[in-house]
């Protein structure tokens, strides 16, 4: 389900943490997944690419910048992934709904030269990657959004009682070429791409989630 909760807008009580705690306590899941749209980080991220995170990390620069967790990273558990190859094979069926690209969308999970840090970055404000690295996201991860690291924090608090979990995010806006643009203009460009392709870029991450559910 879609919570509609984001660190950028929900205030200091961080209701998304209470939501995760309630879900885990009442549903008692064997596996819990946080997923959805995100901004791609780096020039090698294509629209529709999926980051199946090795870690989730906070990069709080606004309301939560003075909190002890403001830059904390939480490692995700090792999961079975034998169905991921089937999932990525299904991405081709959705490719015609995405902009022309040199390759099909793919899942980033292990570190590579092109994706040295396959993590999800959680900010407490709307951040996006651009060619000027305005928000300092480069080298922090492969996707930026506003909530996943809260699940990592809650899982850490639960300790041995915590279920397995995963963070799966799809790039719904790419690194923005910000040359000649103001920050506001670059943000508008990112938002326009997100609005046009948000639905279609979500399909690869949804398929990835089902692969993880099948295997775990």
Protein backbone atom coordinates (compact mmCIF):
# COMPACT_ATOMS: atom_id res chain seq x y z
CA UNK A 1 0.00 0.00 0.00
CA UNK A 2 1.02 3.63 -0.43
CA UNK A 3 1.52 5.42 2.86
CA UNK A 4 1.84 8.97 1.48
CA UNK A 5 4.36 9.63 4.30
CA UNK A 6 7.63 11.49 3.63
CA UNK A 7 10.26 12.95 5.94
CA UNK A 8 10.07 16.23 4.04
CA UNK A 9 6.49 16.95 5.08
CA UNK A 10 5.38 14.93 8.13
CA UNK A 11 6.98 16.84 10.98
CA UNK A 12 9.36 15.93 13.81
CA UNK A 13 7.37 12.98 15.20
CA UNK A 14 8.27 10.90 12.14
CA UNK A 15 4.96 9.01 11.82
CA UNK A 16 6.41 6.63 9.24
CA UNK A 17 8.47 5.01 12.02
CA UNK A 18 5.31 4.30 14.00
CA UNK A 19 3.71 2.91 10.85
CA UNK A 20 6.55 0.43 10.31
CA UNK A 21 6.40 -0.61 13.95
CA UNK A 22 2.66 -1.20 13.74
CA UNK A 23 2.84 -3.17 10.49
CA UNK A 24 5.52 -5.48 11.86
CA UNK A 25 3.77 -5.97 15.20
CA UNK A 26 0.32 -6.69 13.75
CA UNK A 27 1.05 -8.40 10.41
CA UNK A 28 4.12 -10.32 11.63
CA UNK A 29 5.60 -10.53 8.12
CA UNK A 30 8.36 -12.93 7.19
CA UNK A 31 9.58 -10.34 4.66
CA UNK A 32 8.78 -6.63 4.51
CA UNK A 33 9.65 -4.47 1.50
CA UNK A 34 9.78 -0.71 1.15
CA UNK A 35 9.52 0.26 -2.50
CA UNK A 36 8.47 2.95 -4.94
CA UNK A 37 9.69 5.75 -7.13
CA UNK A 38 12.98 7.55 -6.59
CA UNK A 39 15.46 9.81 -8.26
CA UNK A 40 18.32 8.10 -10.01
CA UNK A 41 21.83 9.06 -8.91
CA UNK A 42 24.70 9.12 -11.40
CA UNK A 43 24.96 9.22 -15.19
CA UNK A 44 24.60 5.45 -15.62
CA UNK A 45 21.11 5.22 -14.10
CA UNK A 46 18.42 4.93 -16.78
CA UNK A 47 14.72 5.53 -16.23
CA UNK A 48 13.20 2.27 -15.02
CA UNK A 49 16.43 0.98 -13.47
CA UNK A 50 15.96 -0.64 -10.07
CA UNK A 51 18.14 -0.29 -6.99
CA UNK A 52 17.78 -3.35 -4.76
CA UNK A 53 19.76 -1.82 -1.95
CA UNK A 54 22.75 -3.23 -0.14
CA UNK A 55 22.19 -0.51 2.48
CA UNK A 56 19.81 2.33 3.17
CA UNK A 57 21.23 5.55 4.56
CA UNK A 58 20.00 8.85 5.90
CA UNK A 59 21.27 12.10 4.42
CA UNK A 60 19.35 14.60 6.53
CA UNK A 61 20.16 18.24 5.87
CA UNK A 62 16.99 19.98 7.09
CA UNK A 63 14.63 19.15 9.98
CA UNK A 64 16.50 16.06 11.16
CA UNK A 65 20.09 17.19 10.56
CA UNK A 66 20.84 17.38 14.29
CA UNK A 67 19.47 13.91 15.06
CA UNK A 68 21.85 11.10 15.93
CA UNK A 69 20.70 9.12 12.88
CA UNK A 70 21.15 12.00 10.40
CA UNK A 71 23.84 10.23 8.35
CA UNK A 72 23.45 6.65 9.60
CA UNK A 73 23.47 3.69 7.20
CA UNK A 74 21.69 0.38 7.80
CA UNK A 75 22.79 -2.80 5.98
CA UNK A 76 20.03 -4.83 4.37
CA UNK A 77 19.96 -8.58 5.00
CA UNK A 78 21.09 -11.10 2.44
CA UNK A 79 18.09 -12.51 0.56
CA UNK A 80 17.61 -15.32 -1.92
CA UNK A 81 17.54 -13.91 -5.46
CA UNK A 82 17.24 -16.85 -7.85
CA UNK A 83 14.17 -15.32 -9.54
CA UNK A 84 15.76 -11.95 -10.29
CA UNK A 85 16.93 -13.14 -13.70
CA UNK A 86 13.31 -14.01 -14.56
CA UNK A 87 12.21 -10.59 -13.33
CA UNK A 88 14.72 -8.69 -15.45
CA UNK A 89 13.70 -10.75 -18.47
CA UNK A 90 10.19 -9.34 -18.08
CA UNK A 91 11.40 -5.72 -18.18
CA UNK A 92 11.49 -5.80 -21.98
CA UNK A 93 7.69 -5.92 -22.15
CA UNK A 94 7.55 -2.48 -20.56
CA UNK A 95 10.41 -0.85 -22.48
CA UNK A 96 8.24 0.80 -25.15
CA UNK A 97 6.69 2.99 -22.46
CA UNK A 98 10.07 4.44 -21.46
CA UNK A 99 12.35 6.87 -23.31
CA UNK A 100 14.74 5.40 -25.85
CA UNK A 101 17.85 4.14 -24.06
CA UNK A 102 21.03 2.25 -25.00
CA UNK A 103 19.91 -0.74 -22.91
CA UNK A 104 16.93 -2.20 -21.07
CA UNK A 105 16.33 -1.34 -17.41
CA UNK A 106 18.35 -3.44 -15.00
CA UNK A 107 18.60 -4.21 -11.29
CA UNK A 108 21.58 -2.73 -9.42
CA UNK A 109 22.50 -4.62 -6.26
CA UNK A 110 26.20 -5.40 -6.05
CA UNK A 111 28.83 -2.68 -6.35
CA UNK A 112 30.24 -2.15 -9.84
CA UNK A 113 32.41 0.46 -11.54
CA UNK A 114 29.30 2.20 -12.84
CA UNK A 115 27.41 1.82 -9.57
CA UNK A 116 30.02 1.85 -6.78
CA UNK A 117 27.45 2.35 -4.00
CA UNK A 118 24.17 0.49 -4.73
CA UNK A 119 22.34 2.03 -1.77
CA UNK A 120 19.11 3.95 -1.29
CA UNK A 121 19.57 7.44 0.13
CA UNK A 122 16.83 8.93 2.35
CA UNK A 123 16.70 12.71 2.56
CA UNK A 124 14.46 14.96 4.66
CA UNK A 125 13.82 17.30 1.72
CA UNK A 126 13.19 16.95 -2.01
CA UNK A 127 16.59 16.18 -3.49
CA UNK A 128 17.55 15.08 -6.98
CA UNK A 129 20.82 14.35 -8.70
CA UNK A 130 22.14 16.70 -11.35
CA UNK A 131 25.33 17.13 -13.31
CA UNK A 132 26.46 19.80 -10.82
CA UNK A 133 25.97 17.41 -7.86
CA UNK A 134 24.03 20.22 -6.19
CA UNK A 135 22.87 18.13 -3.23
CA UNK A 136 26.04 16.07 -2.79
CA UNK A 137 24.32 12.77 -3.58
CA UNK A 138 27.09 11.36 -5.74
CA UNK A 139 28.94 8.50 -4.02
CA UNK A 140 26.16 8.08 -1.44
CA UNK A 141 23.97 5.69 -3.41
CA UNK A 142 22.07 4.89 -6.58
CA UNK A 143 18.62 6.24 -5.73
CA UNK A 144 17.26 9.04 -3.55
CA UNK A 145 13.87 9.18 -1.82
CA UNK A 146 12.36 10.22 1.53
CA UNK A 147 11.59 7.27 3.79
CA UNK A 148 13.39 3.93 3.37
CA UNK A 149 16.12 4.48 5.97
CA UNK A 150 13.38 4.80 8.60
CA UNK A 151 12.59 1.12 8.07
CA UNK A 152 16.27 0.32 8.50
CA UNK A 153 16.27 2.24 11.77
CA UNK A 154 13.14 0.44 13.06
CA UNK A 155 14.58 -2.95 12.06
CA UNK A 156 17.74 -2.12 13.99
CA UNK A 157 15.70 -1.26 17.06
CA UNK A 158 13.84 -4.59 16.88
CA UNK A 159 17.05 -6.62 16.82
CA UNK A 160 16.59 -10.39 16.64
CA UNK A 161 12.80 -10.00 16.55
CA UNK A 162 12.92 -8.16 13.21
CA UNK A 163 11.73 -9.76 9.96
CA UNK A 164 13.82 -9.91 6.82
CA UNK A 165 13.45 -6.75 4.78
CA UNK A 166 14.43 -5.08 1.52
CA UNK A 167 14.48 -1.64 -0.08
CA UNK A 168 13.65 -1.66 -3.79
CA UNK A 169 13.51 1.65 -5.65
CA UNK A 170 13.07 2.54 -9.31
CA UNK A 171 14.55 5.57 -11.05
CA UNK A 172 11.62 7.75 -12.11
CA UNK A 173 13.74 10.79 -12.87
CA UNK A 174 17.36 10.60 -14.00
CA UNK A 175 20.42 12.67 -13.29
CA UNK A 176 19.39 16.10 -14.63
CA UNK A 177 21.63 18.01 -17.00
CA UNK A 178 21.64 21.26 -15.05
CA UNK A 179 23.94 23.24 -17.32
CA UNK A 180 22.43 26.69 -17.76
CA UNK A 181 19.55 25.96 -15.38
CA UNK A 182 18.75 27.41 -11.98
CA UNK A 183 18.13 24.96 -9.17
CA UNK A 184 14.40 25.63 -9.46
CA UNK A 185 14.42 25.01 -13.20
CA UNK A 186 16.34 21.74 -12.75
CA UNK A 187 13.85 20.64 -10.07
CA UNK A 188 10.97 21.44 -12.41
CA UNK A 189 12.58 19.38 -15.15
CA UNK A 190 12.99 16.42 -12.77
CA UNK A 191 9.35 16.73 -11.66
CA UNK A 192 8.11 16.80 -15.25
CA UNK A 193 10.00 13.61 -16.12
CA UNK A 194 8.68 11.97 -12.95
CA UNK A 195 5.11 12.94 -13.79
CA UNK A 196 5.36 11.54 -17.32
CA UNK A 197 7.17 8.28 -16.55
CA UNK A 198 6.53 7.58 -12.85
CA UNK A 199 3.95 4.86 -13.50
CA UNK A 200 5.94 3.03 -16.18
CA UNK A 201 9.21 3.16 -14.26
CA UNK A 202 7.46 1.60 -11.26
CA UNK A 203 6.69 -1.62 -13.12
CA UNK A 204 10.28 -2.96 -13.04
CA UNK A 205 10.53 -2.45 -9.27
CA UNK A 206 7.13 -4.10 -8.74
CA UNK A 207 8.32 -7.12 -10.74
CA UNK A 208 11.55 -7.15 -8.71
CA UNK A 209 9.54 -7.17 -5.49
CA UNK A 210 7.51 -10.16 -6.64
CA UNK A 211 10.74 -12.01 -7.45
CA UNK A 212 11.99 -11.41 -3.90
CA UNK A 213 8.64 -12.50 -2.44
CA UNK A 214 8.75 -15.67 -4.52
CA UNK A 215 12.26 -16.54 -3.34
CA UNK A 216 11.94 -15.57 0.32
